[in-house]
Amino acid sequence: MNNTQEQQILDHLKQGRTITPIEALEQHGCFRLSAVILKLRKSGYEIVTHHERNTNNAGTHARYELVIEVAA
């Protein structure tokens, strides 16, 4: 993975930040964040999905977060 959208999203998550589909589109030009997240999960990254209410209370959207392992 060089500077692909997948790498950009992974770098974003590794900084301890979360990301939504709108943020991915605005910041990385990524239209299909869920597909990128699926690829990252298949590569072994543990990413959790939080479901949040939309600002107008009509439905929900996903917010993704990388689970960072803490060394013992």
N, C-alpha and C. Protein backbone atom coordinates (compact mmCIF):
# COMPACT_ATOMS: atom_id res chain seq x y z
N MET A 1 0.86 -1.20 0.00
CA MET A 1 0.00 0.00 0.00
C MET A 1 0.89 1.24 0.00
N ASN A 2 0.90 1.98 -1.08
CA ASN A 2 1.59 3.26 -1.02
C ASN A 2 0.57 4.34 -0.72
N ASN A 3 0.52 5.41 -1.45
CA ASN A 3 -0.38 6.51 -1.08
C ASN A 3 -1.77 6.34 -1.69
N THR A 4 -2.33 5.17 -1.53
CA THR A 4 -3.68 4.90 -2.00
C THR A 4 -4.69 5.43 -0.99
N GLN A 5 -5.94 5.46 -1.39
CA GLN A 5 -6.98 5.87 -0.43
C GLN A 5 -6.96 4.94 0.78
N GLU A 6 -6.71 3.67 0.53
CA GLU A 6 -6.65 2.70 1.62
C GLU A 6 -5.56 3.10 2.62
N GLN A 7 -4.39 3.47 2.12
CA GLN A 7 -3.29 3.87 2.99
C GLN A 7 -3.61 5.19 3.70
N GLN A 8 -4.24 6.11 2.98
CA GLN A 8 -4.60 7.40 3.59
C GLN A 8 -5.59 7.20 4.74
N ILE A 9 -6.57 6.34 4.53
CA ILE A 9 -7.57 6.06 5.57
C ILE A 9 -6.88 5.37 6.75
N LEU A 10 -6.01 4.40 6.47
CA LEU A 10 -5.29 3.71 7.54
C LEU A 10 -4.43 4.68 8.34
N ASP A 11 -3.71 5.56 7.66
CA ASP A 11 -2.89 6.56 8.35
C ASP A 11 -3.76 7.45 9.24
N HIS A 12 -4.91 7.85 8.73
CA HIS A 12 -5.86 8.67 9.48
C HIS A 12 -6.26 7.95 10.77
N LEU A 13 -6.63 6.67 10.64
CA LEU A 13 -7.07 5.89 11.80
C LEU A 13 -5.93 5.63 12.78
N LYS A 14 -4.72 5.42 12.26
CA LYS A 14 -3.57 5.15 13.13
C LYS A 14 -3.20 6.35 13.99
N GLN A 15 -3.64 7.53 13.60
CA GLN A 15 -3.40 8.74 14.40
C GLN A 15 -4.36 8.83 15.58
N GLY A 16 -5.19 7.79 15.75
CA GLY A 16 -6.14 7.78 16.87
C GLY A 16 -7.42 8.53 16.55
N ARG A 17 -7.61 8.86 15.28
CA ARG A 17 -8.79 9.61 14.86
C ARG A 17 -9.84 8.64 14.30
N THR A 18 -11.10 9.04 14.36
CA THR A 18 -12.18 8.28 13.77
C THR A 18 -12.51 8.91 12.41
N ILE A 19 -13.36 8.19 11.64
CA ILE A 19 -13.72 8.74 10.33
C ILE A 19 -15.12 8.29 9.94
N THR A 20 -15.85 9.20 9.30
CA THR A 20 -17.19 8.91 8.76
C THR A 20 -17.10 8.94 7.23
N PRO A 21 -18.10 8.42 6.55
CA PRO A 21 -18.08 8.47 5.08
C PRO A 21 -17.96 9.89 4.53
N ILE A 22 -18.62 10.86 5.15
CA ILE A 22 -18.54 12.25 4.67
C ILE A 22 -17.13 12.79 4.86
N GLU A 23 -16.52 12.51 6.01
CA GLU A 23 -15.15 12.96 6.26
C GLU A 23 -14.18 12.32 5.26
N ALA A 24 -14.38 11.03 4.97
CA ALA A 24 -13.51 10.33 4.01
C ALA A 24 -13.62 10.96 2.62
N LEU A 25 -14.83 11.33 2.24
CA LEU A 25 -15.03 11.97 0.95
C LEU A 25 -14.37 13.35 0.91
N GLU A 26 -14.61 14.14 1.93
CA GLU A 26 -14.07 15.50 1.97
C GLU A 26 -12.54 15.53 2.10
N GLN A 27 -11.98 14.66 2.93
CA GLN A 27 -10.55 14.72 3.22
C GLN A 27 -9.68 13.87 2.30
N HIS A 28 -10.26 12.77 1.77
CA HIS A 28 -9.45 11.83 0.99
C HIS A 28 -10.04 11.49 -0.37
N GLY A 29 -11.18 12.08 -0.72
CA GLY A 29 -11.82 11.79 -2.00
C GLY A 29 -12.32 10.36 -2.11
N CYS A 30 -12.60 9.75 -0.99
CA CYS A 30 -13.02 8.35 -0.93
C CYS A 30 -14.55 8.25 -0.92
N PHE A 31 -15.11 7.69 -2.00
CA PHE A 31 -16.57 7.57 -2.10
C PHE A 31 -17.10 6.31 -1.42
N ARG A 32 -16.27 5.27 -1.26
CA ARG A 32 -16.74 4.00 -0.71
C ARG A 32 -15.91 3.61 0.51
N LEU A 33 -16.10 4.35 1.57
CA LEU A 33 -15.33 4.10 2.79
C LEU A 33 -15.56 2.68 3.31
N SER A 34 -16.78 2.20 3.24
CA SER A 34 -17.06 0.86 3.78
C SER A 34 -16.24 -0.21 3.05
N ALA A 35 -16.00 -0.04 1.76
CA ALA A 35 -15.18 -1.00 1.00
C ALA A 35 -13.73 -0.94 1.46
N VAL A 36 -13.23 0.26 1.72
CA VAL A 36 -11.86 0.42 2.21
C VAL A 36 -11.73 -0.21 3.59
N ILE A 37 -12.71 0.03 4.45
CA ILE A 37 -12.70 -0.55 5.80
C ILE A 37 -12.69 -2.07 5.72
N LEU A 38 -13.49 -2.63 4.81
CA LEU A 38 -13.53 -4.09 4.64
C LEU A 38 -12.16 -4.62 4.24
N LYS A 39 -11.48 -3.96 3.31
CA LYS A 39 -10.13 -4.38 2.89
C LYS A 39 -9.16 -4.32 4.06
N LEU A 40 -9.25 -3.25 4.84
CA LEU A 40 -8.35 -3.12 6.00
C LEU A 40 -8.62 -4.22 7.02
N ARG A 41 -9.88 -4.54 7.24
CA ARG A 41 -10.22 -5.63 8.18
C ARG A 41 -9.67 -6.95 7.66
N LYS A 42 -9.79 -7.20 6.35
CA LYS A 42 -9.27 -8.45 5.77
C LYS A 42 -7.76 -8.50 5.85
N SER A 43 -7.11 -7.34 5.95
CA SER A 43 -5.66 -7.28 6.10
C SER A 43 -5.23 -7.46 7.55
N GLY A 44 -6.20 -7.60 8.46
CA GLY A 44 -5.89 -7.90 9.85
C GLY A 44 -6.08 -6.75 10.83
N TYR A 45 -6.53 -5.60 10.35
CA TYR A 45 -6.75 -4.47 11.25
C TYR A 45 -8.11 -4.62 11.93
N GLU A 46 -8.12 -4.37 13.25
CA GLU A 46 -9.37 -4.43 14.01
C GLU A 46 -9.99 -3.03 14.01
N ILE A 47 -11.09 -2.90 13.30
CA ILE A 47 -11.77 -1.61 13.18
C ILE A 47 -13.21 -1.80 13.64
N VAL A 48 -13.62 -0.96 14.57
CA VAL A 48 -14.99 -1.04 15.09
C VAL A 48 -15.85 0.02 14.42
N THR A 49 -17.13 -0.27 14.35
CA THR A 49 -18.10 0.64 13.75
C THR A 49 -19.01 1.17 14.84
N HIS A 50 -19.12 2.49 14.91
CA HIS A 50 -20.06 3.14 15.82
C HIS A 50 -21.17 3.73 14.95
N HIS A 51 -22.41 3.49 15.32
CA HIS A 51 -23.53 4.06 14.58
C HIS A 51 -24.01 5.31 15.29
N GLU A 52 -24.04 6.42 14.55
CA GLU A 52 -24.43 7.71 15.13
C GLU A 52 -25.65 8.25 14.41
N ARG A 53 -26.45 8.98 15.16
CA ARG A 53 -27.61 9.65 14.56
C ARG A 53 -27.14 10.78 13.67
N ASN A 54 -27.81 10.96 12.55
CA ASN A 54 -27.52 12.10 11.68
C ASN A 54 -27.95 13.38 12.38
N THR A 55 -27.41 14.50 11.96
CA THR A 55 -27.70 15.77 12.63
C THR A 55 -29.18 16.14 12.55
N ASN A 56 -29.87 15.69 11.51
CA ASN A 56 -31.29 16.01 11.38
C ASN A 56 -32.18 14.92 11.99
N ASN A 57 -31.56 13.97 12.73
CA ASN A 57 -32.24 12.86 13.38
C ASN A 57 -32.97 11.93 12.42
N ALA A 58 -32.65 12.02 11.13
CA ALA A 58 -33.24 11.11 10.14
C ALA A 58 -32.22 10.04 9.78
N GLY A 59 -32.20 8.96 10.52
CA GLY A 59 -31.29 7.88 10.22
C GLY A 59 -29.97 7.97 10.97
N THR A 60 -29.06 7.07 10.58
CA THR A 60 -27.75 7.01 11.22
C THR A 60 -26.66 6.93 10.16
N HIS A 61 -25.43 7.12 10.60
CA HIS A 61 -24.26 6.92 9.75
C HIS A 61 -23.20 6.21 10.58
N ALA A 62 -22.21 5.66 9.88
CA ALA A 62 -21.15 4.92 10.56
C ALA A 62 -19.98 5.84 10.87
N ARG A 63 -19.34 5.58 11.99
CA ARG A 63 -18.07 6.22 12.35
C ARG A 63 -17.13 5.07 12.68
N TYR A 64 -16.00 5.01 11.98
CA TYR A 64 -15.06 3.91 12.13
C TYR A 64 -13.89 4.31 13.01
N GLU A 65 -13.40 3.33 13.80
CA GLU A 65 -12.30 3.58 14.72
C GLU A 65 -11.39 2.35 14.74
N LEU A 66 -10.10 2.60 14.65
CA LEU A 66 -9.11 1.52 14.71
C LEU A 66 -8.86 1.18 16.17
N VAL A 67 -8.89 -0.12 16.48
CA VAL A 67 -8.56 -0.57 17.83
C VAL A 67 -7.05 -0.71 17.87
N ILE A 68 -6.42 0.09 18.70
CA ILE A 68 -4.97 0.08 18.80
C ILE A 68 -4.56 -0.78 19.99
N GLU A 69 -3.77 -1.79 19.70
CA GLU A 69 -3.31 -2.70 20.75
C GLU A 69 -2.27 -1.99 21.60
N VAL A 70 -2.40 -2.13 22.90
CA VAL A 70 -1.43 -1.54 23.83
C VAL A 70 -0.51 -2.67 24.29
N ALA A 71 0.78 -2.46 24.13
CA ALA A 71 1.76 -3.48 24.54
C ALA A 71 1.74 -3.64 26.06
N ALA A 72 1.83 -4.89 26.50
CA ALA A 72 1.81 -5.18 27.94
C ALA A 72 3.13 -4.97 28.59
